[in-house]
C-alpha atoms as a PDB file:
ATOM      1  CA  UNK A   1       5.361   7.553 -15.157  1.00  0.00           C
ATOM      2  CA  UNK A   2       1.932   7.520 -13.534  1.00  0.00           C
ATOM      3  CA  UNK A   3       1.472   8.186  -9.858  1.00  0.00           C
ATOM      4  CA  UNK A   4      -0.802   6.308  -7.476  1.00  0.00           C
ATOM      5  CA  UNK A   5      -2.216   7.234  -4.085  1.00  0.00           C
ATOM      6  CA  UNK A   6      -2.308   4.376  -1.578  1.00  0.00           C
ATOM      7  CA  UNK A   7      -4.424   4.488   1.592  1.00  0.00           C
ATOM      8  CA  UNK A   8      -4.515   1.852   4.329  1.00  0.00           C
ATOM      9  CA  UNK A   9      -8.161   1.031   5.036  1.00  0.00           C
ATOM     10  CA  UNK A  10      -7.873  -2.195   7.070  1.00  0.00           C
ATOM     11  CA  UNK A  11      -5.743  -3.060  10.070  1.00  0.00           C
ATOM     12  CA  UNK A  12      -2.540  -5.098   9.892  1.00  0.00           C
ATOM     13  CA  UNK A  13      -3.339  -6.813  13.205  1.00  0.00           C
ATOM     14  CA  UNK A  14      -3.445 -10.624  12.856  1.00  0.00           C
ATOM     15  CA  UNK A  15      -1.814 -10.477   9.414  1.00  0.00           C
ATOM     16  CA  UNK A  16       1.268 -12.480   8.382  1.00  0.00           C
ATOM     17  CA  UNK A  17       4.629 -10.823   8.989  1.00  0.00           C
ATOM     18  CA  UNK A  18       5.355 -10.450   5.255  1.00  0.00           C
ATOM     19  CA  UNK A  19       2.160  -8.414   4.758  1.00  0.00           C
ATOM     20  CA  UNK A  20       3.072  -6.162   7.705  1.00  0.00           C
ATOM     21  CA  UNK A  21       6.526  -5.588   6.218  1.00  0.00           C
ATOM     22  CA  UNK A  22       5.020  -4.834   2.808  1.00  0.00           C
ATOM     23  CA  UNK A  23       2.756  -2.159   4.326  1.00  0.00           C
ATOM     24  CA  UNK A  24       5.749  -0.619   6.113  1.00  0.00           C
ATOM     25  CA  UNK A  25       7.826  -0.632   2.929  1.00  0.00           C
ATOM     26  CA  UNK A  26       4.986   1.216   1.185  1.00  0.00           C
ATOM     27  CA  UNK A  27       5.224   3.826   3.959  1.00  0.00           C
ATOM     28  CA  UNK A  28       1.971   2.884   5.697  1.00  0.00           C
ATOM     29  CA  UNK A  29       2.294   2.718   9.479  1.00  0.00           C
ATOM     30  CA  UNK A  30      -1.182   3.747  10.671  1.00  0.00           C
ATOM     31  CA  UNK A  31      -4.780   3.286   9.619  1.00  0.00           C
ATOM     32  CA  UNK A  32      -6.102   5.843   7.099  1.00  0.00           C
ATOM     33  CA  UNK A  33      -2.570   6.995   6.280  1.00  0.00           C
ATOM     34  CA  UNK A  34      -2.115   8.117   2.667  1.00  0.00           C
ATOM     35  CA  UNK A  35       1.090   7.952   0.616  1.00  0.00           C
ATOM     36  CA  UNK A  36       1.891   8.732  -3.014  1.00  0.00           C
ATOM     37  CA  UNK A  37       4.178   6.553  -5.152  1.00  0.00           C
ATOM     38  CA  UNK A  38       5.295   6.212  -8.750  1.00  0.00           C
ATOM     39  CA  UNK A  39       3.534   3.284 -10.452  1.00  0.00           C
ATOM     40  CA  UNK A  40       6.662   1.164 -10.941  1.00  0.00           C
ATOM     41  CA  UNK A  41       6.459  -2.629 -11.295  1.00  0.00           C
ATOM     42  CA  UNK A  42       7.971  -3.037  -7.815  1.00  0.00           C
ATOM     43  CA  UNK A  43       5.393  -0.790  -6.168  1.00  0.00           C
ATOM     44  CA  UNK A  44       2.522  -2.379  -8.103  1.00  0.00           C
ATOM     45  CA  UNK A  45       3.666  -5.818  -6.935  1.00  0.00           C
ATOM     46  CA  UNK A  46       3.602  -4.675  -3.313  1.00  0.00           C
ATOM     47  CA  UNK A  47       0.170  -3.116  -3.854  1.00  0.00           C
ATOM     48  CA  UNK A  48      -1.119  -6.398  -5.313  1.00  0.00           C
ATOM     49  CA  UNK A  49       0.194  -8.353  -2.318  1.00  0.00           C
ATOM     50  CA  UNK A  50      -1.742  -6.271   0.242  1.00  0.00           C
ATOM     51  CA  UNK A  51      -4.644  -5.179  -1.969  1.00  0.00           C
ATOM     52  CA  UNK A  52      -7.157  -6.458   0.611  1.00  0.00           C
ATOM     53  CA  UNK A  53      -5.804  -3.953   3.180  1.00  0.00           C
ATOM     54  CA  UNK A  54      -5.489  -0.821   1.043  1.00  0.00           C
ATOM     55  CA  UNK A  55      -7.304   1.336  -1.486  1.00  0.00           C
ATOM     56  CA  UNK A  56      -5.532   2.669  -4.564  1.00  0.00           C
ATOM     57  CA  UNK A  57      -6.291   5.690  -6.770  1.00  0.00           C
ATOM     58  CA  UNK A  58      -4.492   6.809  -9.887  1.00  0.00           C
ATOM     59  CA  UNK A  59      -3.391  10.454 -10.091  1.00  0.00           C
ATOM     60  CA  UNK A  60      -3.330  12.275 -13.416  1.00  0.00           C
END
């Protein structure tokens, strides 16, 4: 399974509670924090939900 690197690039201040919880469930608690995940359908759905707050790169 492919891996992706997710980085929070925008603040979660003034965002709906569900978007804040999605960022936390991805493991992002601070700005510019980077986490690595498997590209499962569940993770990709969370990434799609907060795509305006994060940047995503695929790892080979």
